[in-house]
N, C-alpha and C. Protein backbone atom coordinates (compact mmCIF):
# COMPACT_ATOMS: atom_id res chain seq x y z
N MET A 1 6.33 -26.96 -35.37
CA MET A 1 5.40 -27.02 -36.48
C MET A 1 4.24 -26.08 -36.22
N ALA A 2 4.08 -25.10 -37.02
CA ALA A 2 3.01 -24.12 -36.85
C ALA A 2 1.70 -24.66 -37.41
N ILE A 3 0.61 -24.34 -36.74
CA ILE A 3 -0.71 -24.73 -37.23
C ILE A 3 -1.32 -23.54 -37.94
N ARG A 4 -1.72 -23.73 -39.16
CA ARG A 4 -2.34 -22.65 -39.92
C ARG A 4 -3.81 -22.58 -39.55
N GLU A 5 -4.39 -21.38 -39.67
CA GLU A 5 -5.80 -21.16 -39.32
C GLU A 5 -6.73 -22.16 -39.98
N GLU A 6 -6.50 -22.47 -41.26
CA GLU A 6 -7.43 -23.34 -41.96
C GLU A 6 -7.38 -24.78 -41.46
N SER A 7 -6.36 -25.14 -40.65
CA SER A 7 -6.29 -26.51 -40.16
C SER A 7 -7.20 -26.72 -38.94
N LEU A 8 -7.65 -25.65 -38.31
CA LEU A 8 -8.59 -25.78 -37.21
C LEU A 8 -9.98 -25.97 -37.79
N SER A 9 -10.68 -26.99 -37.34
CA SER A 9 -11.98 -27.34 -37.90
C SER A 9 -13.00 -26.23 -37.65
N GLU A 10 -13.67 -25.80 -38.71
CA GLU A 10 -14.67 -24.73 -38.63
C GLU A 10 -15.83 -25.12 -37.72
N GLU A 11 -16.20 -26.41 -37.71
CA GLU A 11 -17.35 -26.81 -36.91
C GLU A 11 -17.07 -26.69 -35.41
N HIS A 12 -15.82 -26.68 -35.01
CA HIS A 12 -15.48 -26.59 -33.59
C HIS A 12 -15.09 -25.18 -33.17
N VAL A 13 -15.08 -24.23 -34.09
CA VAL A 13 -14.64 -22.88 -33.75
C VAL A 13 -15.77 -22.15 -33.04
N GLU A 14 -15.48 -21.72 -31.82
CA GLU A 14 -16.42 -20.93 -31.02
C GLU A 14 -16.92 -19.75 -31.86
N PRO A 15 -18.23 -19.44 -31.80
CA PRO A 15 -18.76 -18.33 -32.60
C PRO A 15 -18.00 -17.01 -32.41
N LEU A 16 -17.45 -16.77 -31.25
CA LEU A 16 -16.67 -15.54 -31.05
C LEU A 16 -15.48 -15.48 -32.00
N LEU A 17 -14.92 -16.62 -32.31
CA LEU A 17 -13.75 -16.64 -33.18
C LEU A 17 -14.08 -16.27 -34.62
N ARG A 18 -15.34 -16.33 -34.96
CA ARG A 18 -15.76 -16.00 -36.32
C ARG A 18 -15.93 -14.50 -36.52
N LEU A 19 -15.90 -13.72 -35.44
CA LEU A 19 -16.08 -12.28 -35.55
C LEU A 19 -14.87 -11.62 -36.18
N GLU A 20 -15.11 -10.64 -37.00
CA GLU A 20 -14.04 -9.87 -37.62
C GLU A 20 -13.49 -8.85 -36.62
N PRO A 21 -12.20 -8.52 -36.72
CA PRO A 21 -11.64 -7.48 -35.85
C PRO A 21 -12.45 -6.19 -35.97
N GLY A 22 -12.70 -5.56 -34.82
CA GLY A 22 -13.47 -4.32 -34.78
C GLY A 22 -14.95 -4.52 -34.56
N THR A 23 -15.40 -5.78 -34.57
CA THR A 23 -16.82 -6.06 -34.35
C THR A 23 -17.16 -5.92 -32.88
N PRO A 24 -18.17 -5.10 -32.55
CA PRO A 24 -18.58 -5.01 -31.14
C PRO A 24 -19.13 -6.36 -30.67
N ILE A 25 -18.72 -6.77 -29.48
CA ILE A 25 -19.23 -8.01 -28.88
C ILE A 25 -20.41 -7.68 -27.98
N GLY A 26 -20.29 -6.60 -27.20
CA GLY A 26 -21.40 -6.21 -26.35
C GLY A 26 -20.95 -5.43 -25.14
N VAL A 27 -21.94 -5.02 -24.36
CA VAL A 27 -21.73 -4.25 -23.14
C VAL A 27 -22.27 -5.08 -21.98
N SER A 28 -21.50 -5.18 -20.92
CA SER A 28 -21.87 -6.02 -19.78
C SER A 28 -22.99 -5.38 -18.96
N ASP A 29 -23.49 -6.19 -18.05
CA ASP A 29 -24.38 -5.67 -17.01
C ASP A 29 -23.56 -4.78 -16.08
N TRP A 30 -24.25 -3.91 -15.36
CA TRP A 30 -23.59 -3.07 -14.36
C TRP A 30 -23.20 -3.92 -13.15
N VAL A 31 -22.07 -3.58 -12.53
CA VAL A 31 -21.61 -4.22 -11.30
C VAL A 31 -21.41 -3.12 -10.26
N LEU A 32 -22.10 -3.23 -9.14
CA LEU A 32 -21.96 -2.27 -8.05
C LEU A 32 -20.72 -2.60 -7.24
N ILE A 33 -19.85 -1.62 -7.07
CA ILE A 33 -18.64 -1.80 -6.26
C ILE A 33 -18.96 -1.38 -4.83
N GLU A 34 -19.06 -2.35 -3.96
CA GLU A 34 -19.42 -2.11 -2.57
C GLU A 34 -18.19 -2.22 -1.67
N GLN A 35 -18.23 -1.55 -0.55
CA GLN A 35 -17.09 -1.57 0.38
C GLN A 35 -16.78 -2.99 0.83
N ASP A 36 -17.80 -3.80 1.07
CA ASP A 36 -17.58 -5.17 1.50
C ASP A 36 -16.79 -5.96 0.45
N MET A 37 -17.11 -5.73 -0.83
CA MET A 37 -16.39 -6.40 -1.92
C MET A 37 -14.92 -5.99 -1.90
N VAL A 38 -14.66 -4.71 -1.74
CA VAL A 38 -13.29 -4.19 -1.71
C VAL A 38 -12.54 -4.75 -0.50
N ASP A 39 -13.21 -4.79 0.66
CA ASP A 39 -12.59 -5.34 1.87
C ASP A 39 -12.24 -6.81 1.71
N GLN A 40 -13.13 -7.58 1.09
CA GLN A 40 -12.85 -9.00 0.85
C GLN A 40 -11.67 -9.18 -0.09
N PHE A 41 -11.61 -8.34 -1.12
CA PHE A 41 -10.50 -8.40 -2.06
C PHE A 41 -9.18 -8.08 -1.34
N ALA A 42 -9.20 -7.07 -0.46
CA ALA A 42 -8.01 -6.71 0.31
C ALA A 42 -7.55 -7.89 1.17
N GLU A 43 -8.51 -8.55 1.80
CA GLU A 43 -8.16 -9.69 2.65
C GLU A 43 -7.58 -10.83 1.82
N LEU A 44 -8.21 -11.14 0.70
CA LEU A 44 -7.73 -12.24 -0.15
C LEU A 44 -6.35 -11.96 -0.74
N THR A 45 -6.09 -10.71 -1.07
CA THR A 45 -4.80 -10.38 -1.69
C THR A 45 -3.77 -9.91 -0.66
N ARG A 46 -4.19 -9.87 0.61
CA ARG A 46 -3.30 -9.47 1.72
C ARG A 46 -2.73 -8.07 1.51
N ASP A 47 -3.60 -7.18 1.07
CA ASP A 47 -3.21 -5.79 0.79
C ASP A 47 -4.11 -4.86 1.60
N PRO A 48 -3.68 -4.46 2.80
CA PRO A 48 -4.52 -3.63 3.67
C PRO A 48 -4.40 -2.13 3.41
N ASP A 49 -4.32 -1.71 2.17
CA ASP A 49 -4.15 -0.31 1.82
C ASP A 49 -5.35 0.51 2.31
N PRO A 50 -5.12 1.49 3.18
CA PRO A 50 -6.24 2.27 3.74
C PRO A 50 -6.99 3.09 2.68
N LEU A 51 -6.37 3.39 1.57
CA LEU A 51 -7.07 4.12 0.50
C LEU A 51 -8.28 3.31 0.02
N HIS A 52 -8.22 2.00 0.17
CA HIS A 52 -9.28 1.12 -0.30
C HIS A 52 -10.18 0.60 0.81
N ILE A 53 -9.65 0.42 2.02
CA ILE A 53 -10.43 -0.27 3.06
C ILE A 53 -10.82 0.59 4.25
N ASP A 54 -10.37 1.82 4.32
CA ASP A 54 -10.67 2.67 5.47
C ASP A 54 -11.33 3.97 4.99
N PRO A 55 -12.68 3.99 4.97
CA PRO A 55 -13.39 5.15 4.43
C PRO A 55 -13.01 6.47 5.11
N GLU A 56 -12.86 6.47 6.41
CA GLU A 56 -12.51 7.72 7.11
C GLU A 56 -11.11 8.19 6.71
N TRP A 57 -10.16 7.27 6.70
CA TRP A 57 -8.80 7.62 6.32
C TRP A 57 -8.77 8.12 4.87
N ALA A 58 -9.47 7.43 3.99
CA ALA A 58 -9.46 7.79 2.58
C ALA A 58 -10.08 9.18 2.36
N ARG A 59 -11.15 9.50 3.10
CA ARG A 59 -11.76 10.85 2.99
C ARG A 59 -10.78 11.92 3.46
N ALA A 60 -10.08 11.65 4.55
CA ALA A 60 -9.18 12.65 5.15
C ALA A 60 -7.84 12.76 4.44
N ASN A 61 -7.34 11.67 3.90
CA ASN A 61 -5.97 11.65 3.37
C ASN A 61 -5.83 11.30 1.89
N GLY A 62 -6.85 10.72 1.32
CA GLY A 62 -6.74 10.26 -0.06
C GLY A 62 -7.10 11.33 -1.07
N PRO A 63 -6.69 11.14 -2.31
CA PRO A 63 -6.94 12.13 -3.36
C PRO A 63 -8.33 12.05 -3.99
N PHE A 64 -9.14 11.04 -3.62
CA PHE A 64 -10.39 10.80 -4.34
C PHE A 64 -11.65 11.06 -3.50
N GLY A 65 -11.50 11.53 -2.27
CA GLY A 65 -12.66 11.86 -1.44
C GLY A 65 -13.32 10.66 -0.79
N GLY A 66 -12.72 9.50 -0.86
CA GLY A 66 -13.27 8.29 -0.25
C GLY A 66 -12.54 7.08 -0.77
N THR A 67 -13.02 5.92 -0.35
CA THR A 67 -12.37 4.68 -0.77
C THR A 67 -12.67 4.38 -2.24
N THR A 68 -11.75 3.69 -2.84
CA THR A 68 -11.87 3.28 -4.24
C THR A 68 -11.56 1.79 -4.36
N ALA A 69 -12.03 1.21 -5.46
CA ALA A 69 -11.72 -0.19 -5.74
C ALA A 69 -10.24 -0.32 -6.07
N PHE A 70 -9.67 -1.43 -5.71
CA PHE A 70 -8.33 -1.76 -6.17
C PHE A 70 -8.36 -1.86 -7.69
N GLY A 71 -7.32 -1.41 -8.35
CA GLY A 71 -7.24 -1.58 -9.79
C GLY A 71 -7.30 -3.04 -10.18
N PHE A 72 -6.64 -3.90 -9.40
CA PHE A 72 -6.66 -5.32 -9.70
C PHE A 72 -8.05 -5.93 -9.51
N LEU A 73 -8.87 -5.35 -8.62
CA LEU A 73 -10.25 -5.80 -8.49
C LEU A 73 -11.01 -5.49 -9.77
N THR A 74 -10.83 -4.30 -10.28
CA THR A 74 -11.49 -3.92 -11.54
C THR A 74 -11.06 -4.87 -12.66
N ILE A 75 -9.78 -5.16 -12.74
CA ILE A 75 -9.27 -6.08 -13.76
C ILE A 75 -9.90 -7.46 -13.57
N SER A 76 -9.97 -7.91 -12.33
CA SER A 76 -10.49 -9.26 -12.08
C SER A 76 -11.96 -9.40 -12.42
N LEU A 77 -12.69 -8.31 -12.44
CA LEU A 77 -14.12 -8.37 -12.77
C LEU A 77 -14.37 -8.48 -14.28
N LEU A 78 -13.33 -8.35 -15.10
CA LEU A 78 -13.51 -8.47 -16.55
C LEU A 78 -14.13 -9.82 -16.93
N THR A 79 -13.69 -10.90 -16.29
CA THR A 79 -14.21 -12.22 -16.62
C THR A 79 -15.71 -12.27 -16.36
N HIS A 80 -16.14 -11.81 -15.19
CA HIS A 80 -17.58 -11.79 -14.88
C HIS A 80 -18.34 -10.94 -15.89
N MET A 81 -17.83 -9.75 -16.16
CA MET A 81 -18.55 -8.86 -17.07
C MET A 81 -18.60 -9.45 -18.48
N PHE A 82 -17.53 -10.11 -18.91
CA PHE A 82 -17.52 -10.74 -20.23
C PHE A 82 -18.57 -11.84 -20.31
N ARG A 83 -18.70 -12.63 -19.25
CA ARG A 83 -19.69 -13.70 -19.24
C ARG A 83 -21.12 -13.16 -19.32
N THR A 84 -21.36 -11.98 -18.74
CA THR A 84 -22.72 -11.42 -18.85
C THR A 84 -23.01 -11.00 -20.29
N VAL A 85 -21.97 -10.75 -21.07
CA VAL A 85 -22.16 -10.37 -22.47
C VAL A 85 -22.40 -11.60 -23.34
N ILE A 86 -21.58 -12.62 -23.18
CA ILE A 86 -21.68 -13.78 -24.09
C ILE A 86 -22.67 -14.84 -23.60
N GLU A 87 -23.07 -14.75 -22.32
CA GLU A 87 -24.03 -15.70 -21.75
C GLU A 87 -23.66 -17.14 -22.08
N HIS A 88 -22.43 -17.49 -21.80
CA HIS A 88 -21.90 -18.81 -22.11
C HIS A 88 -21.63 -19.57 -20.82
N ASP A 89 -22.14 -20.78 -20.73
CA ASP A 89 -21.90 -21.64 -19.59
C ASP A 89 -20.56 -22.34 -19.82
N LEU A 90 -19.59 -22.06 -18.97
CA LEU A 90 -18.25 -22.61 -19.17
C LEU A 90 -18.19 -24.12 -19.01
N ARG A 91 -19.26 -24.71 -18.50
CA ARG A 91 -19.28 -26.17 -18.39
C ARG A 91 -19.53 -26.83 -19.74
N GLU A 92 -19.93 -26.04 -20.73
CA GLU A 92 -20.16 -26.58 -22.07
C GLU A 92 -18.82 -26.69 -22.80
N THR A 93 -18.05 -27.69 -22.43
CA THR A 93 -16.68 -27.79 -22.94
C THR A 93 -16.60 -28.29 -24.37
N ASP A 94 -17.74 -28.67 -24.98
CA ASP A 94 -17.68 -29.09 -26.37
C ASP A 94 -17.33 -27.92 -27.29
N LEU A 95 -17.38 -26.71 -26.77
CA LEU A 95 -17.01 -25.53 -27.55
C LEU A 95 -15.55 -25.15 -27.35
N GLY A 96 -14.85 -25.84 -26.50
CA GLY A 96 -13.49 -25.46 -26.16
C GLY A 96 -13.49 -24.50 -24.98
N LEU A 97 -12.33 -24.05 -24.58
CA LEU A 97 -12.19 -23.19 -23.41
C LEU A 97 -11.37 -21.95 -23.73
N PHE A 98 -11.78 -20.83 -23.17
CA PHE A 98 -10.96 -19.62 -23.22
C PHE A 98 -10.17 -19.55 -21.92
N LEU A 99 -8.85 -19.48 -22.03
CA LEU A 99 -7.98 -19.36 -20.87
C LEU A 99 -7.29 -18.00 -20.90
N ASN A 100 -7.13 -17.39 -19.73
CA ASN A 100 -6.41 -16.11 -19.69
C ASN A 100 -5.00 -16.31 -20.21
N TYR A 101 -4.58 -15.42 -21.07
CA TYR A 101 -3.25 -15.49 -21.67
C TYR A 101 -2.42 -14.27 -21.31
N GLY A 102 -3.09 -13.17 -20.97
CA GLY A 102 -2.37 -11.96 -20.57
C GLY A 102 -3.05 -10.71 -21.05
N PHE A 103 -2.34 -9.61 -20.96
CA PHE A 103 -2.86 -8.31 -21.37
C PHE A 103 -1.80 -7.57 -22.17
N ASP A 104 -2.25 -6.76 -23.09
CA ASP A 104 -1.40 -5.79 -23.76
C ASP A 104 -2.02 -4.42 -23.50
N ARG A 105 -1.19 -3.43 -23.31
CA ARG A 105 -1.63 -2.04 -23.18
C ARG A 105 -2.72 -1.84 -22.13
N LEU A 106 -2.58 -2.45 -20.98
CA LEU A 106 -3.55 -2.26 -19.91
C LEU A 106 -3.26 -0.96 -19.18
N ARG A 107 -4.30 -0.13 -19.03
CA ARG A 107 -4.16 1.13 -18.32
C ARG A 107 -5.33 1.30 -17.36
N LEU A 108 -5.01 1.68 -16.13
CA LEU A 108 -6.03 2.07 -15.15
C LEU A 108 -6.12 3.58 -15.23
N VAL A 109 -7.12 4.06 -15.95
CA VAL A 109 -7.21 5.46 -16.34
C VAL A 109 -7.77 6.34 -15.22
N SER A 110 -8.81 5.88 -14.56
CA SER A 110 -9.41 6.68 -13.49
C SER A 110 -9.90 5.77 -12.37
N PRO A 111 -10.02 6.30 -11.15
CA PRO A 111 -10.41 5.47 -10.01
C PRO A 111 -11.88 5.07 -10.09
N VAL A 112 -12.19 3.97 -9.40
CA VAL A 112 -13.57 3.51 -9.27
C VAL A 112 -13.99 3.74 -7.82
N PRO A 113 -14.77 4.79 -7.56
CA PRO A 113 -15.20 5.06 -6.19
C PRO A 113 -16.12 3.95 -5.68
N VAL A 114 -15.94 3.60 -4.42
CA VAL A 114 -16.85 2.65 -3.78
C VAL A 114 -18.25 3.27 -3.81
N GLY A 115 -19.23 2.44 -4.13
CA GLY A 115 -20.61 2.90 -4.24
C GLY A 115 -21.03 3.20 -5.66
N LYS A 116 -20.09 3.18 -6.60
CA LYS A 116 -20.41 3.41 -8.01
C LYS A 116 -20.55 2.07 -8.73
N ARG A 117 -21.17 2.13 -9.90
CA ARG A 117 -21.31 0.94 -10.73
C ARG A 117 -20.36 1.05 -11.92
N ILE A 118 -19.89 -0.12 -12.35
CA ILE A 118 -19.04 -0.19 -13.54
C ILE A 118 -19.64 -1.20 -14.52
N ARG A 119 -19.29 -1.02 -15.78
CA ARG A 119 -19.63 -2.00 -16.80
C ARG A 119 -18.54 -1.96 -17.84
N ALA A 120 -18.48 -3.03 -18.64
CA ALA A 120 -17.41 -3.14 -19.64
C ALA A 120 -18.00 -3.27 -21.03
N ARG A 121 -17.29 -2.68 -21.97
CA ARG A 121 -17.63 -2.74 -23.39
C ARG A 121 -16.53 -3.57 -24.05
N PHE A 122 -16.93 -4.60 -24.80
CA PHE A 122 -15.98 -5.51 -25.42
C PHE A 122 -16.10 -5.46 -26.94
N THR A 123 -14.95 -5.45 -27.61
CA THR A 123 -14.87 -5.44 -29.06
C THR A 123 -13.87 -6.52 -29.46
N MET A 124 -14.14 -7.17 -30.57
CA MET A 124 -13.22 -8.20 -31.05
C MET A 124 -11.96 -7.53 -31.60
N GLY A 125 -10.82 -8.00 -31.14
CA GLY A 125 -9.55 -7.56 -31.70
C GLY A 125 -9.12 -8.58 -32.75
N ASP A 126 -7.83 -8.81 -32.83
CA ASP A 126 -7.36 -9.79 -33.81
C ASP A 126 -7.29 -11.18 -33.18
N LYS A 127 -6.98 -12.15 -34.01
CA LYS A 127 -6.83 -13.53 -33.55
C LYS A 127 -5.80 -14.21 -34.44
N ARG A 128 -5.10 -15.17 -33.84
CA ARG A 128 -4.11 -15.92 -34.61
C ARG A 128 -4.00 -17.31 -34.01
N ALA A 129 -3.65 -18.27 -34.83
CA ALA A 129 -3.42 -19.63 -34.37
C ALA A 129 -1.98 -19.74 -33.90
N ASP A 130 -1.76 -20.52 -32.84
CA ASP A 130 -0.39 -20.74 -32.41
C ASP A 130 0.03 -22.19 -32.70
N ALA A 131 1.25 -22.53 -32.38
CA ALA A 131 1.80 -23.84 -32.72
C ALA A 131 1.18 -24.97 -31.90
N ASN A 132 0.42 -24.65 -30.85
CA ASN A 132 -0.18 -25.68 -30.01
C ASN A 132 -1.65 -25.95 -30.36
N GLY A 133 -2.13 -25.39 -31.44
CA GLY A 133 -3.52 -25.62 -31.84
C GLY A 133 -4.52 -24.73 -31.14
N ARG A 134 -4.03 -23.69 -30.50
CA ARG A 134 -4.91 -22.75 -29.81
C ARG A 134 -5.05 -21.50 -30.65
N TRP A 135 -6.16 -20.81 -30.46
CA TRP A 135 -6.32 -19.46 -31.01
C TRP A 135 -5.92 -18.49 -29.91
N ILE A 136 -5.11 -17.51 -30.24
CA ILE A 136 -4.81 -16.41 -29.33
C ILE A 136 -5.70 -15.27 -29.78
N VAL A 137 -6.64 -14.91 -28.93
CA VAL A 137 -7.68 -13.94 -29.26
C VAL A 137 -7.47 -12.68 -28.44
N ARG A 138 -7.55 -11.54 -29.11
CA ARG A 138 -7.40 -10.23 -28.45
C ARG A 138 -8.79 -9.59 -28.37
N PHE A 139 -9.22 -9.34 -27.13
CA PHE A 139 -10.47 -8.62 -26.88
C PHE A 139 -10.11 -7.21 -26.44
N LEU A 140 -10.71 -6.22 -27.07
CA LEU A 140 -10.51 -4.82 -26.68
C LEU A 140 -11.56 -4.50 -25.63
N CYS A 141 -11.11 -3.99 -24.49
CA CYS A 141 -12.01 -3.78 -23.35
C CYS A 141 -11.92 -2.34 -22.85
N GLU A 142 -13.06 -1.82 -22.48
CA GLU A 142 -13.12 -0.51 -21.83
C GLU A 142 -14.14 -0.59 -20.71
N VAL A 143 -13.69 -0.31 -19.49
CA VAL A 143 -14.57 -0.32 -18.32
C VAL A 143 -14.92 1.11 -17.98
N GLU A 144 -16.21 1.37 -17.91
CA GLU A 144 -16.67 2.72 -17.58
C GLU A 144 -17.25 2.75 -16.18
N VAL A 145 -17.14 3.92 -15.55
CA VAL A 145 -17.76 4.17 -14.26
C VAL A 145 -19.04 4.95 -14.53
N GLU A 146 -20.13 4.51 -13.96
CA GLU A 146 -21.40 5.19 -14.19
C GLU A 146 -21.27 6.67 -13.81
N GLY A 147 -21.59 7.53 -14.78
CA GLY A 147 -21.51 8.98 -14.56
C GLY A 147 -20.11 9.54 -14.67
N GLY A 148 -19.12 8.70 -14.94
CA GLY A 148 -17.74 9.16 -15.05
C GLY A 148 -17.45 9.76 -16.42
N GLU A 149 -16.48 10.64 -16.44
CA GLU A 149 -16.08 11.28 -17.70
C GLU A 149 -15.06 10.46 -18.48
N ARG A 150 -14.26 9.68 -17.76
CA ARG A 150 -13.20 8.89 -18.39
C ARG A 150 -13.36 7.43 -18.00
N PRO A 151 -12.87 6.52 -18.82
CA PRO A 151 -12.96 5.10 -18.44
C PRO A 151 -12.10 4.82 -17.22
N ALA A 152 -12.47 3.78 -16.51
CA ALA A 152 -11.66 3.32 -15.37
C ALA A 152 -10.49 2.49 -15.87
N LEU A 153 -10.72 1.73 -16.94
CA LEU A 153 -9.71 0.79 -17.43
C LEU A 153 -9.88 0.64 -18.93
N VAL A 154 -8.77 0.58 -19.63
CA VAL A 154 -8.76 0.21 -21.04
C VAL A 154 -7.64 -0.82 -21.22
N CYS A 155 -7.92 -1.84 -22.02
CA CYS A 155 -6.89 -2.86 -22.22
C CYS A 155 -7.19 -3.70 -23.44
N GLU A 156 -6.19 -4.44 -23.81
CA GLU A 156 -6.29 -5.50 -24.80
C GLU A 156 -6.08 -6.80 -24.02
N TRP A 157 -7.14 -7.57 -23.89
CA TRP A 157 -7.14 -8.78 -23.08
C TRP A 157 -6.92 -9.97 -24.00
N LEU A 158 -5.90 -10.73 -23.73
CA LEU A 158 -5.55 -11.89 -24.56
C LEU A 158 -6.07 -13.17 -23.92
N SER A 159 -6.72 -13.98 -24.73
CA SER A 159 -7.20 -15.29 -24.29
C SER A 159 -6.69 -16.35 -25.25
N ALA A 160 -6.40 -17.50 -24.69
CA ALA A 160 -6.02 -18.64 -25.52
C ALA A 160 -7.23 -19.56 -25.58
N TRP A 161 -7.75 -19.77 -26.79
CA TRP A 161 -8.88 -20.68 -26.97
C TRP A 161 -8.31 -22.06 -27.24
N VAL A 162 -8.66 -22.99 -26.36
CA VAL A 162 -8.19 -24.36 -26.50
C VAL A 162 -9.35 -25.17 -27.07
N PRO A 163 -9.15 -25.81 -28.22
CA PRO A 163 -10.24 -26.58 -28.82
C PRO A 163 -10.64 -27.76 -27.94
N PRO A 164 -11.86 -28.23 -28.12
CA PRO A 164 -12.29 -29.40 -27.35
C PRO A 164 -11.46 -30.62 -27.71
N PRO A 165 -11.38 -31.60 -26.83
CA PRO A 165 -10.56 -32.79 -27.08
C PRO A 165 -10.89 -33.50 -28.38
N SER A 166 -12.14 -33.42 -28.83
CA SER A 166 -12.54 -34.12 -30.05
C SER A 166 -12.16 -33.39 -31.33
N ALA A 167 -11.65 -32.15 -31.21
CA ALA A 167 -11.34 -31.36 -32.42
C ALA A 167 -10.11 -31.86 -33.11
């Protein structure tokens, strides 16, 4: 049984869901990519790639002149950067929850050198209701490197909005 959009109560719809496709949501705060952050990510993901964790090796052997952030680290920072834009306390569950649902068209366009700052620009994509009473929301994302000519990452980030229990 499919749930039509109009069956979801307007009073419980998160303000983000009211945005029309193409509406800018905002630009995040800058995030400094430090070697310690990259090293911790390598340890947590059990990926000891010297291009990311060994500055001397990366300068001598890598194509970028030094260590760079893991692409997956850049992807993982989207949640933090998004929160700096919407300034929403996730403990406020009366608004429902956004859960990661996946990505469409994710591309890691250019490297993020250690020591550089990144920020993300978010735009509302489309949204649709699914059969479980959730909204599937598409956020268009572009992560830029400070002073860079090309974005580090572009993607369509999908979130499933789960209404609060009282909805």
